[in-house]
Amino acid sequence: MGSKSMTTEQSTFMVDLHQVGTMLRHATLRSLCLLDEFGKGTLTEDGIGLLGGTIGHFANCDFPPKVLLSTHLTEIFTENYLPQSEHIKCYTMSVLNPDGQTSNDDITFLYRLVTGQALLSFGLHCARLAGVPNKVVQRADSILEDIHSKRPTRRMISEKLEATDKLYQDAVAKLMAFDTQKGDLDRFFQELFASES
């Protein structure tokens, strides 16, 4: 989408929207439109809708421009959000994945453009290659597993969080046991906050 101005008062997403809007209004048969990750910067559903609408607009033009786009919004392929059109051709970068699994442990990027769509993301593998700490990647993997299983995301457990939880539980228990008719509220809060220090 071109270089991003650091002095503009618009978000990157808004700048992208303006640029795509210009393409949609002015592209001709002789135009080359480059869309790099259009739709990011907002909710995934909004991004998919905007990208699908944009592709649909170009595909249905009487004299469509050449459009090259890259996206990680793979749902656009799996949920059939794209119109059937002879003008749409999909390509992906080839990946050697011996197990054919999503484990990301034993894959090789081949850097070869091939016909088709990538229905898997190798984001966690790329994060490891980029040196993201293993603890962060493991947490991301746990969150993704919960999302795919449609269950609530499990809370990250650490000693510090457990200690804070215990403090709060104790404070709530003391507050529930406090006799508002006979107790000294100032003293109660002094004791409560003294125990948290």
N, C-alpha and C. Protein backbone atom coordinates (compact mmCIF):
# COMPACT_ATOMS: atom_id res chain seq x y z
N MET A 1 0.81 -1.18 0.00
CA MET A 1 0.00 0.00 0.00
C MET A 1 0.87 1.26 0.00
N GLY A 2 2.13 1.14 -0.29
CA GLY A 2 3.00 2.31 -0.33
C GLY A 2 3.58 2.60 1.04
N SER A 3 4.41 3.62 1.09
CA SER A 3 5.02 3.98 2.36
C SER A 3 4.01 4.69 3.24
N LYS A 4 4.17 4.54 4.53
CA LYS A 4 3.24 5.13 5.49
C LYS A 4 3.85 6.40 6.05
N SER A 5 3.10 7.49 6.02
CA SER A 5 3.56 8.74 6.58
C SER A 5 3.45 8.68 8.09
N MET A 6 4.51 9.04 8.77
CA MET A 6 4.51 9.02 10.23
C MET A 6 3.89 10.30 10.80
N THR A 7 3.67 11.30 9.95
CA THR A 7 3.14 12.57 10.45
C THR A 7 1.63 12.71 10.22
N THR A 8 1.04 11.78 9.52
CA THR A 8 -0.39 11.87 9.26
C THR A 8 -1.18 11.62 10.54
N GLU A 9 -2.37 12.15 10.59
CA GLU A 9 -3.23 11.96 11.76
C GLU A 9 -4.24 10.86 11.52
N GLN A 10 -3.92 9.92 10.63
CA GLN A 10 -4.80 8.80 10.33
C GLN A 10 -4.09 7.51 10.67
N SER A 11 -4.87 6.52 11.05
CA SER A 11 -4.30 5.20 11.31
C SER A 11 -3.86 4.57 9.99
N THR A 12 -3.02 3.58 10.09
CA THR A 12 -2.59 2.85 8.89
C THR A 12 -3.79 2.25 8.19
N PHE A 13 -4.74 1.75 8.97
CA PHE A 13 -5.95 1.16 8.39
C PHE A 13 -6.72 2.21 7.59
N MET A 14 -6.87 3.42 8.11
CA MET A 14 -7.59 4.47 7.39
C MET A 14 -6.84 4.87 6.12
N VAL A 15 -5.53 4.93 6.19
CA VAL A 15 -4.74 5.24 5.00
C VAL A 15 -4.97 4.16 3.94
N ASP A 16 -4.95 2.88 4.37
CA ASP A 16 -5.22 1.77 3.45
C ASP A 16 -6.60 1.90 2.82
N LEU A 17 -7.60 2.25 3.62
CA LEU A 17 -8.96 2.41 3.10
C LEU A 17 -9.02 3.50 2.03
N HIS A 18 -8.35 4.62 2.29
CA HIS A 18 -8.34 5.70 1.30
C HIS A 18 -7.68 5.25 0.00
N GLN A 19 -6.56 4.53 0.12
CA GLN A 19 -5.86 4.07 -1.08
C GLN A 19 -6.68 3.05 -1.86
N VAL A 20 -7.31 2.12 -1.16
CA VAL A 20 -8.14 1.12 -1.84
C VAL A 20 -9.36 1.80 -2.45
N GLY A 21 -9.94 2.76 -1.74
CA GLY A 21 -11.07 3.50 -2.29
C GLY A 21 -10.71 4.19 -3.60
N THR A 22 -9.51 4.76 -3.65
CA THR A 22 -9.03 5.40 -4.88
C THR A 22 -8.88 4.37 -6.00
N MET A 23 -8.33 3.20 -5.65
CA MET A 23 -8.19 2.14 -6.66
C MET A 23 -9.56 1.72 -7.19
N LEU A 24 -10.51 1.53 -6.30
CA LEU A 24 -11.84 1.06 -6.70
C LEU A 24 -12.54 2.07 -7.62
N ARG A 25 -12.30 3.34 -7.38
CA ARG A 25 -12.97 4.38 -8.19
C ARG A 25 -12.26 4.66 -9.50
N HIS A 26 -10.93 4.46 -9.56
CA HIS A 26 -10.19 4.95 -10.72
C HIS A 26 -9.42 3.90 -11.52
N ALA A 27 -9.38 2.65 -11.07
CA ALA A 27 -8.61 1.63 -11.78
C ALA A 27 -9.21 1.35 -13.15
N THR A 28 -8.35 1.14 -14.13
CA THR A 28 -8.77 0.83 -15.50
C THR A 28 -8.12 -0.48 -15.93
N LEU A 29 -8.39 -0.88 -17.12
CA LEU A 29 -7.79 -2.09 -17.70
C LEU A 29 -6.26 -2.01 -17.70
N ARG A 30 -5.72 -0.81 -17.74
CA ARG A 30 -4.27 -0.64 -17.80
C ARG A 30 -3.64 -0.46 -16.41
N SER A 31 -4.44 -0.56 -15.36
CA SER A 31 -3.94 -0.34 -13.99
C SER A 31 -3.38 -1.63 -13.39
N LEU A 32 -2.42 -1.44 -12.50
CA LEU A 32 -1.92 -2.53 -11.66
C LEU A 32 -2.19 -2.11 -10.22
N CYS A 33 -3.02 -2.86 -9.53
CA CYS A 33 -3.39 -2.55 -8.14
C CYS A 33 -2.71 -3.56 -7.22
N LEU A 34 -1.94 -3.07 -6.28
CA LEU A 34 -1.23 -3.92 -5.33
C LEU A 34 -1.87 -3.77 -3.96
N LEU A 35 -2.34 -4.86 -3.42
CA LEU A 35 -2.97 -4.87 -2.09
C LEU A 35 -2.18 -5.79 -1.18
N ASP A 36 -1.55 -5.21 -0.19
CA ASP A 36 -0.73 -5.99 0.74
C ASP A 36 -1.40 -6.02 2.10
N GLU A 37 -1.98 -7.17 2.43
CA GLU A 37 -2.63 -7.38 3.72
C GLU A 37 -3.78 -6.39 3.96
N PHE A 38 -4.51 -6.04 2.90
CA PHE A 38 -5.66 -5.16 3.08
C PHE A 38 -6.70 -5.86 3.94
N GLY A 39 -7.22 -5.15 4.92
CA GLY A 39 -8.21 -5.70 5.83
C GLY A 39 -7.67 -5.91 7.23
N LYS A 40 -6.35 -5.84 7.39
CA LYS A 40 -5.82 -5.94 8.74
C LYS A 40 -5.99 -4.59 9.42
N GLY A 41 -5.94 -4.56 10.71
CA GLY A 41 -6.10 -3.30 11.42
C GLY A 41 -7.52 -3.08 11.90
N THR A 42 -8.37 -4.06 11.68
CA THR A 42 -9.75 -3.99 12.17
C THR A 42 -10.14 -5.40 12.58
N LEU A 43 -11.37 -5.59 13.00
CA LEU A 43 -11.82 -6.94 13.35
C LEU A 43 -11.66 -7.87 12.15
N THR A 44 -11.33 -9.11 12.41
CA THR A 44 -11.12 -10.07 11.33
C THR A 44 -12.33 -10.13 10.41
N GLU A 45 -13.53 -10.14 10.98
CA GLU A 45 -14.74 -10.23 10.16
C GLU A 45 -14.87 -9.02 9.25
N ASP A 46 -14.58 -7.83 9.77
CA ASP A 46 -14.64 -6.62 8.94
C ASP A 46 -13.60 -6.68 7.83
N GLY A 47 -12.40 -7.13 8.19
CA GLY A 47 -11.34 -7.24 7.20
C GLY A 47 -11.69 -8.20 6.08
N ILE A 48 -12.26 -9.35 6.45
CA ILE A 48 -12.68 -10.33 5.44
C ILE A 48 -13.76 -9.74 4.54
N GLY A 49 -14.72 -9.05 5.15
CA GLY A 49 -15.79 -8.43 4.37
C GLY A 49 -15.26 -7.38 3.40
N LEU A 50 -14.37 -6.53 3.89
CA LEU A 50 -13.80 -5.48 3.03
C LEU A 50 -12.97 -6.09 1.90
N LEU A 51 -12.15 -7.07 2.24
CA LEU A 51 -11.32 -7.71 1.21
C LEU A 51 -12.18 -8.45 0.20
N GLY A 52 -13.17 -9.20 0.68
CA GLY A 52 -14.07 -9.92 -0.23
C GLY A 52 -14.83 -8.98 -1.14
N GLY A 53 -15.31 -7.87 -0.57
CA GLY A 53 -16.02 -6.88 -1.39
C GLY A 53 -15.12 -6.24 -2.43
N THR A 54 -13.89 -5.97 -2.05
CA THR A 54 -12.93 -5.36 -2.98
C THR A 54 -12.60 -6.32 -4.13
N ILE A 55 -12.32 -7.58 -3.78
CA ILE A 55 -12.01 -8.57 -4.82
C ILE A 55 -13.23 -8.76 -5.73
N GLY A 56 -14.41 -8.84 -5.13
CA GLY A 56 -15.64 -8.99 -5.91
C GLY A 56 -15.83 -7.83 -6.88
N HIS A 57 -15.55 -6.61 -6.43
CA HIS A 57 -15.69 -5.44 -7.29
C HIS A 57 -14.75 -5.55 -8.50
N PHE A 58 -13.50 -5.86 -8.25
CA PHE A 58 -12.55 -5.97 -9.35
C PHE A 58 -12.91 -7.12 -10.28
N ALA A 59 -13.33 -8.26 -9.72
CA ALA A 59 -13.65 -9.43 -10.54
C ALA A 59 -14.87 -9.18 -11.43
N ASN A 60 -15.78 -8.32 -11.01
CA ASN A 60 -17.00 -8.07 -11.77
C ASN A 60 -16.92 -6.86 -12.71
N CYS A 61 -15.75 -6.24 -12.77
CA CYS A 61 -15.58 -5.12 -13.70
C CYS A 61 -15.64 -5.63 -15.14
N ASP A 62 -16.18 -4.82 -16.04
CA ASP A 62 -16.18 -5.19 -17.46
C ASP A 62 -14.75 -5.26 -17.99
N PHE A 63 -13.93 -4.33 -17.56
CA PHE A 63 -12.53 -4.29 -17.98
C PHE A 63 -11.66 -4.19 -16.72
N PRO A 64 -11.47 -5.33 -16.05
CA PRO A 64 -10.80 -5.29 -14.75
C PRO A 64 -9.31 -4.96 -14.85
N PRO A 65 -8.79 -4.29 -13.81
CA PRO A 65 -7.35 -4.04 -13.76
C PRO A 65 -6.63 -5.33 -13.34
N LYS A 66 -5.32 -5.32 -13.44
CA LYS A 66 -4.52 -6.41 -12.87
C LYS A 66 -4.42 -6.10 -11.38
N VAL A 67 -4.74 -7.09 -10.56
CA VAL A 67 -4.68 -6.91 -9.12
C VAL A 67 -3.82 -8.02 -8.54
N LEU A 68 -2.84 -7.64 -7.74
CA LEU A 68 -2.01 -8.59 -7.03
C LEU A 68 -2.21 -8.30 -5.55
N LEU A 69 -2.65 -9.32 -4.80
CA LEU A 69 -2.85 -9.09 -3.38
C LEU A 69 -2.26 -10.22 -2.57
N SER A 70 -1.87 -9.87 -1.36
CA SER A 70 -1.41 -10.87 -0.40
C SER A 70 -2.28 -10.73 0.83
N THR A 71 -2.59 -11.85 1.45
CA THR A 71 -3.44 -11.81 2.65
C THR A 71 -3.15 -13.01 3.54
N HIS A 72 -3.38 -12.82 4.81
CA HIS A 72 -3.36 -13.93 5.76
C HIS A 72 -4.79 -14.26 6.22
N LEU A 73 -5.76 -13.60 5.63
CA LEU A 73 -7.16 -13.85 5.97
C LEU A 73 -7.65 -15.07 5.19
N THR A 74 -7.17 -16.24 5.61
CA THR A 74 -7.45 -17.48 4.87
C THR A 74 -8.93 -17.85 4.88
N GLU A 75 -9.69 -17.28 5.83
CA GLU A 75 -11.13 -17.58 5.88
C GLU A 75 -11.83 -17.17 4.59
N ILE A 76 -11.25 -16.23 3.89
CA ILE A 76 -11.87 -15.76 2.65
C ILE A 76 -11.95 -16.90 1.62
N PHE A 77 -11.05 -17.88 1.74
CA PHE A 77 -11.06 -19.02 0.83
C PHE A 77 -11.92 -20.15 1.37
N THR A 78 -11.81 -20.42 2.67
CA THR A 78 -12.50 -21.58 3.23
C THR A 78 -14.00 -21.35 3.38
N GLU A 79 -14.43 -20.12 3.49
CA GLU A 79 -15.86 -19.83 3.68
C GLU A 79 -16.55 -19.38 2.39
N ASN A 80 -15.86 -19.48 1.28
CA ASN A 80 -16.43 -19.12 -0.03
C ASN A 80 -16.92 -17.68 -0.11
N TYR A 81 -16.13 -16.77 0.41
CA TYR A 81 -16.49 -15.35 0.34
C TYR A 81 -16.14 -14.73 -1.00
N LEU A 82 -15.40 -15.44 -1.83
CA LEU A 82 -15.01 -14.92 -3.13
C LEU A 82 -15.99 -15.36 -4.20
N PRO A 83 -16.28 -14.48 -5.14
CA PRO A 83 -17.16 -14.88 -6.24
C PRO A 83 -16.44 -15.85 -7.18
N GLN A 84 -17.19 -16.70 -7.83
CA GLN A 84 -16.60 -17.55 -8.86
C GLN A 84 -16.32 -16.68 -10.07
N SER A 85 -15.08 -16.63 -10.49
CA SER A 85 -14.72 -15.76 -11.61
C SER A 85 -13.47 -16.28 -12.30
N GLU A 86 -13.49 -16.20 -13.61
CA GLU A 86 -12.29 -16.58 -14.38
C GLU A 86 -11.16 -15.58 -14.15
N HIS A 87 -11.49 -14.43 -13.60
CA HIS A 87 -10.48 -13.40 -13.37
C HIS A 87 -9.67 -13.63 -12.10
N ILE A 88 -10.14 -14.52 -11.22
CA ILE A 88 -9.46 -14.76 -9.95
C ILE A 88 -8.61 -16.01 -10.05
N LYS A 89 -7.33 -15.84 -9.77
CA LYS A 89 -6.39 -16.97 -9.73
C LYS A 89 -5.62 -16.87 -8.42
N CYS A 90 -5.52 -17.98 -7.71
CA CYS A 90 -4.87 -17.99 -6.40
C CYS A 90 -3.53 -18.70 -6.46
N TYR A 91 -2.56 -18.12 -5.76
CA TYR A 91 -1.23 -18.69 -5.65
C TYR A 91 -0.79 -18.62 -4.20
N THR A 92 0.15 -19.45 -3.86
CA THR A 92 0.69 -19.47 -2.50
C THR A 92 2.17 -19.80 -2.56
N MET A 93 2.85 -19.57 -1.47
CA MET A 93 4.25 -19.96 -1.37
C MET A 93 4.30 -21.40 -0.89
N SER A 94 5.09 -22.21 -1.54
CA SER A 94 5.17 -23.63 -1.24
C SER A 94 5.90 -23.87 0.09
N VAL A 95 5.34 -24.82 0.84
CA VAL A 95 5.92 -25.19 2.13
C VAL A 95 6.02 -26.71 2.17
N LEU A 96 7.16 -27.21 2.60
CA LEU A 96 7.33 -28.65 2.78
C LEU A 96 6.97 -28.97 4.22
N ASN A 97 5.91 -29.73 4.38
CA ASN A 97 5.42 -30.10 5.69
C ASN A 97 5.28 -31.61 5.70
N PRO A 98 6.36 -32.35 6.07
CA PRO A 98 6.38 -33.81 5.92
C PRO A 98 5.22 -34.52 6.61
N ASP A 99 4.83 -34.06 7.79
CA ASP A 99 3.76 -34.73 8.51
C ASP A 99 2.38 -34.32 8.02
N GLY A 100 2.31 -33.20 7.29
CA GLY A 100 1.02 -32.69 6.86
C GLY A 100 0.18 -32.19 8.02
N GLN A 101 0.84 -31.92 9.12
CA GLN A 101 0.12 -31.49 10.32
C GLN A 101 0.33 -30.00 10.55
N THR A 102 -0.36 -29.49 11.53
CA THR A 102 -0.27 -28.06 11.84
C THR A 102 0.70 -27.79 12.99
N SER A 103 1.54 -28.77 13.31
CA SER A 103 2.41 -28.64 14.47
C SER A 103 3.47 -27.56 14.29
N ASN A 104 3.79 -27.21 13.07
CA ASN A 104 4.79 -26.18 12.78
C ASN A 104 6.20 -26.57 13.20
N ASP A 105 6.41 -27.81 13.63
CA ASP A 105 7.72 -28.19 14.15
C ASP A 105 8.72 -28.56 13.06
N ASP A 106 8.26 -29.18 12.01
CA ASP A 106 9.19 -29.71 11.02
C ASP A 106 8.79 -29.26 9.62
N ILE A 107 8.80 -27.96 9.38
CA ILE A 107 8.44 -27.45 8.06
C ILE A 107 9.62 -26.71 7.45
N THR A 108 9.60 -26.64 6.13
CA THR A 108 10.64 -25.93 5.40
C THR A 108 9.96 -25.02 4.39
N PHE A 109 10.30 -23.74 4.43
CA PHE A 109 9.78 -22.79 3.45
C PHE A 109 10.59 -22.94 2.17
N LEU A 110 9.91 -23.18 1.05
CA LEU A 110 10.60 -23.47 -0.21
C LEU A 110 10.79 -22.23 -1.09
N TYR A 111 10.14 -21.12 -0.75
CA TYR A 111 10.27 -19.86 -1.50
C TYR A 111 9.97 -20.07 -2.98
N ARG A 112 8.87 -20.80 -3.24
CA ARG A 112 8.46 -21.08 -4.62
C ARG A 112 6.96 -20.79 -4.72
N LEU A 113 6.59 -19.97 -5.68
CA LEU A 113 5.19 -19.62 -5.91
C LEU A 113 4.51 -20.75 -6.67
N VAL A 114 3.39 -21.25 -6.12
CA VAL A 114 2.67 -22.35 -6.76
C VAL A 114 1.17 -22.02 -6.78
N THR A 115 0.45 -22.66 -7.67
CA THR A 115 -1.00 -22.48 -7.74
C THR A 115 -1.65 -23.04 -6.49
N GLY A 116 -2.64 -22.35 -5.96
CA GLY A 116 -3.37 -22.84 -4.80
C GLY A 116 -3.50 -21.79 -3.73
N GLN A 117 -4.01 -22.22 -2.58
CA GLN A 117 -4.22 -21.34 -1.44
C GLN A 117 -3.58 -21.96 -0.21
N ALA A 118 -3.03 -21.13 0.62
CA ALA A 118 -2.50 -21.60 1.90
C ALA A 118 -3.64 -21.58 2.90
N LEU A 119 -4.03 -22.73 3.37
CA LEU A 119 -5.12 -22.81 4.32
C LEU A 119 -4.61 -22.91 5.75
N LEU A 120 -3.29 -23.02 5.90
CA LEU A 120 -2.67 -23.06 7.22
C LEU A 120 -1.77 -21.85 7.38
N SER A 121 -1.67 -21.38 8.61
CA SER A 121 -0.72 -20.31 8.91
C SER A 121 0.45 -20.92 9.64
N PHE A 122 1.61 -20.45 9.34
CA PHE A 122 2.80 -20.92 10.04
C PHE A 122 3.38 -19.80 10.89
N GLY A 123 2.47 -19.00 11.45
CA GLY A 123 2.87 -17.83 12.24
C GLY A 123 3.70 -18.19 13.46
N LEU A 124 3.33 -19.26 14.15
CA LEU A 124 4.10 -19.65 15.34
C LEU A 124 5.49 -20.12 14.96
N HIS A 125 5.59 -20.84 13.86
CA HIS A 125 6.90 -21.28 13.38
C HIS A 125 7.76 -20.06 13.02
N CYS A 126 7.15 -19.10 12.34
CA CYS A 126 7.87 -17.88 11.97
C CYS A 126 8.29 -17.11 13.22
N ALA A 127 7.44 -17.11 14.25
CA ALA A 127 7.79 -16.42 15.50
C ALA A 127 9.02 -17.06 16.13
N ARG A 128 9.09 -18.39 16.10
CA ARG A 128 10.28 -19.07 16.63
C ARG A 128 11.52 -18.70 15.82
N LEU A 129 11.36 -18.69 14.49
CA LEU A 129 12.49 -18.34 13.63
C LEU A 129 12.98 -16.91 13.89
N ALA A 130 12.04 -16.03 14.26
CA ALA A 130 12.38 -14.62 14.50
C ALA A 130 12.94 -14.40 15.90
N GLY A 131 12.98 -15.44 16.72
CA GLY A 131 13.56 -15.31 18.05
C GLY A 131 12.59 -14.89 19.13
N VAL A 132 11.28 -14.99 18.86
CA VAL A 132 10.31 -14.70 19.91
C VAL A 132 10.50 -15.74 21.01
N PRO A 133 10.56 -15.30 22.28
CA PRO A 133 10.80 -16.26 23.38
C PRO A 133 9.81 -17.43 23.35
N ASN A 134 10.32 -18.61 23.63
CA ASN A 134 9.53 -19.83 23.56
C ASN A 134 8.30 -19.76 24.47
N LYS A 135 8.42 -19.11 25.62
CA LYS A 135 7.29 -18.98 26.54
C LYS A 135 6.13 -18.23 25.88
N VAL A 136 6.45 -17.20 25.10
CA VAL A 136 5.43 -16.42 24.40
C VAL A 136 4.78 -17.28 23.31
N VAL A 137 5.58 -18.02 22.55
CA VAL A 137 5.05 -18.87 21.49
C VAL A 137 4.18 -19.98 22.07
N GLN A 138 4.60 -20.55 23.20
CA GLN A 138 3.80 -21.59 23.84
C GLN A 138 2.45 -21.03 24.30
N ARG A 139 2.45 -19.81 24.84
CA ARG A 139 1.19 -19.20 25.26
C ARG A 139 0.29 -18.95 24.05
N ALA A 140 0.89 -18.47 22.95
CA ALA A 140 0.12 -18.24 21.73
C ALA A 140 -0.49 -19.55 21.24
N ASP A 141 0.28 -20.62 21.29
CA ASP A 141 -0.20 -21.94 20.87
C ASP A 141 -1.36 -22.39 21.75
N SER A 142 -1.27 -22.15 23.05
CA SER A 142 -2.34 -22.51 23.98
C SER A 142 -3.62 -21.73 23.67
N ILE A 143 -3.48 -20.44 23.40
CA ILE A 143 -4.65 -19.61 23.07
C ILE A 143 -5.28 -20.09 21.77
N LEU A 144 -4.46 -20.37 20.76
CA LEU A 144 -4.99 -20.85 19.48
C LEU A 144 -5.72 -22.18 19.65
N GLU A 145 -5.16 -23.05 20.46
CA GLU A 145 -5.80 -24.35 20.72
C GLU A 145 -7.18 -24.14 21.34
N ASP A 146 -7.27 -23.20 22.29
CA ASP A 146 -8.57 -22.91 22.92
C ASP A 146 -9.56 -22.33 21.91
N ILE A 147 -9.09 -21.43 21.06
CA ILE A 147 -9.95 -20.82 20.05
C ILE A 147 -10.48 -21.88 19.09
N HIS A 148 -9.60 -22.75 18.61
CA HIS A 148 -10.01 -23.79 17.66
C HIS A 148 -10.95 -24.80 18.30
N SER A 149 -10.81 -25.01 19.61
CA SER A 149 -11.68 -25.94 20.33
C SER A 149 -12.95 -25.27 20.82
N LYS A 150 -13.08 -23.96 20.54
CA LYS A 150 -14.26 -23.18 20.94
C LYS A 150 -14.51 -23.24 22.45
N ARG A 151 -13.44 -23.17 23.20
CA ARG A 151 -13.58 -23.12 24.66
C ARG A 151 -12.94 -21.83 25.17
N PRO A 152 -13.32 -21.39 26.35
CA PRO A 152 -12.74 -20.15 26.88
C PRO A 152 -11.23 -20.26 27.01
N THR A 153 -10.55 -19.17 26.76
CA THR A 153 -9.10 -19.16 26.87
C THR A 153 -8.69 -19.33 28.33
N ARG A 154 -7.81 -20.27 28.54
CA ARG A 154 -7.34 -20.52 29.90
C ARG A 154 -6.44 -19.38 30.37
N ARG A 155 -6.60 -19.04 31.63
CA ARG A 155 -5.81 -17.96 32.20
C ARG A 155 -4.37 -18.41 32.37
N MET A 156 -3.46 -17.49 32.10
CA MET A 156 -2.04 -17.78 32.28
C MET A 156 -1.76 -17.83 33.78
N ILE A 157 -1.17 -18.90 34.25
CA ILE A 157 -0.91 -19.07 35.67
C ILE A 157 0.55 -18.75 35.96
N SER A 158 0.74 -17.91 36.95
CA SER A 158 2.09 -17.64 37.44
C SER A 158 2.00 -17.48 38.94
N GLU A 159 3.13 -17.58 39.62
CA GLU A 159 3.14 -17.45 41.07
C GLU A 159 2.63 -16.07 41.49
N LYS A 160 3.03 -15.04 40.76
CA LYS A 160 2.62 -13.68 41.10
C LYS A 160 1.10 -13.53 40.96
N LEU A 161 0.53 -14.06 39.86
CA LEU A 161 -0.92 -13.98 39.68
C LEU A 161 -1.66 -14.77 40.76
N GLU A 162 -1.15 -15.96 41.08
CA GLU A 162 -1.79 -16.77 42.12
C GLU A 162 -1.76 -16.05 43.46
N ALA A 163 -0.63 -15.39 43.78
CA ALA A 163 -0.52 -14.66 45.05
C ALA A 163 -1.50 -13.49 45.08
N THR A 164 -1.62 -12.78 43.96
CA THR A 164 -2.56 -11.66 43.87
C THR A 164 -3.99 -12.16 44.00
N ASP A 165 -4.31 -13.26 43.33
CA ASP A 165 -5.65 -13.85 43.44
C ASP A 165 -5.96 -14.21 44.89
N LYS A 166 -4.99 -14.79 45.59
CA LYS A 166 -5.18 -15.17 46.99
C LYS A 166 -5.46 -13.94 47.84
N LEU A 167 -4.72 -12.85 47.60
CA LEU A 167 -4.96 -11.60 48.33
C LEU A 167 -6.39 -11.11 48.12
N TYR A 168 -6.82 -11.12 46.87
CA TYR A 168 -8.18 -10.65 46.57
C TYR A 168 -9.24 -11.56 47.18
N GLN A 169 -9.02 -12.85 47.11
CA GLN A 169 -9.97 -13.78 47.71
C GLN A 169 -10.07 -13.56 49.21
N ASP A 170 -8.92 -13.37 49.87
CA ASP A 170 -8.91 -13.11 51.31
C ASP A 170 -9.62 -11.81 51.63
N ALA A 171 -9.38 -10.78 50.82
CA ALA A 171 -10.02 -9.47 51.05
C ALA A 171 -11.53 -9.58 50.92
N VAL A 172 -11.99 -10.31 49.91
CA VAL A 172 -13.43 -10.49 49.71
C VAL A 172 -14.02 -11.27 50.89
N ALA A 173 -13.32 -12.30 51.34
CA ALA A 173 -13.81 -13.10 52.48
C ALA A 173 -13.92 -12.22 53.73
N LYS A 174 -12.90 -11.39 53.96
CA LYS A 174 -12.94 -10.49 55.13
C LYS A 174 -14.07 -9.47 54.99
N LEU A 175 -14.26 -8.96 53.81
CA LEU A 175 -15.32 -7.98 53.58
C LEU A 175 -16.70 -8.60 53.79
N MET A 176 -16.87 -9.84 53.35
CA MET A 176 -18.15 -10.52 53.52
C MET A 176 -18.42 -10.83 54.99
N ALA A 177 -17.36 -11.07 55.75
CA ALA A 177 -17.51 -11.39 57.17
C ALA A 177 -17.62 -10.13 58.04
N PHE A 178 -17.32 -8.97 57.50
CA PHE A 178 -17.31 -7.72 58.26
C PHE A 178 -18.73 -7.35 58.70
N ASP A 179 -18.85 -7.03 59.97
CA ASP A 179 -20.14 -6.61 60.53
C ASP A 179 -20.24 -5.10 60.41
N THR A 180 -21.07 -4.62 59.50
CA THR A 180 -21.17 -3.19 59.25
C THR A 180 -21.81 -2.45 60.42
N GLN A 181 -22.58 -3.15 61.27
CA GLN A 181 -23.24 -2.50 62.41
C GLN A 181 -22.29 -2.30 63.58
N LYS A 182 -21.40 -3.25 63.81
CA LYS A 182 -20.56 -3.21 65.00
C LYS A 182 -19.09 -2.95 64.69
N GLY A 183 -18.67 -3.17 63.46
CA GLY A 183 -17.26 -3.06 63.13
C GLY A 183 -16.80 -1.63 62.88
N ASP A 184 -15.49 -1.42 63.02
CA ASP A 184 -14.86 -0.13 62.75
C ASP A 184 -14.34 -0.18 61.31
N LEU A 185 -15.01 0.54 60.41
CA LEU A 185 -14.69 0.49 58.98
C LEU A 185 -13.29 1.03 58.69
N ASP A 186 -12.89 2.13 59.33
CA ASP A 186 -11.54 2.67 59.11
C ASP A 186 -10.47 1.66 59.50
N ARG A 187 -10.63 1.05 60.66
CA ARG A 187 -9.66 0.06 61.13
C ARG A 187 -9.65 -1.16 60.20
N PHE A 188 -10.84 -1.57 59.74
CA PHE A 188 -10.94 -2.70 58.82
C PHE A 188 -10.09 -2.45 57.57
N PHE A 189 -10.25 -1.27 56.95
CA PHE A 189 -9.50 -0.98 55.72
C PHE A 189 -8.00 -0.81 56.00
N GLN A 190 -7.64 -0.26 57.14
CA GLN A 190 -6.22 -0.15 57.49
C GLN A 190 -5.58 -1.52 57.60
N GLU A 191 -6.27 -2.42 58.27
CA GLU A 191 -5.76 -3.80 58.42
C GLU A 191 -5.73 -4.52 57.07
N LEU A 192 -6.77 -4.30 56.28
CA LEU A 192 -6.85 -4.97 54.98
C LEU A 192 -5.71 -4.53 54.08
N PHE A 193 -5.48 -3.19 53.98
CA PHE A 193 -4.41 -2.71 53.10
C PHE A 193 -3.03 -2.93 53.67
N ALA A 194 -2.92 -3.04 55.01
CA ALA A 194 -1.63 -3.35 55.61
C ALA A 194 -1.22 -4.77 55.26
N SER A 195 -2.20 -5.68 55.19
CA SER A 195 -1.88 -7.09 54.88
C SER A 195 -1.50 -7.26 53.40
N GLU A 196 -1.89 -6.33 52.55
CA GLU A 196 -1.54 -6.42 51.12
C GLU A 196 -0.13 -5.92 50.86
N SER A 197 0.43 -5.15 51.75
CA SER A 197 1.76 -4.57 51.53
C SER A 197 2.86 -5.58 51.70
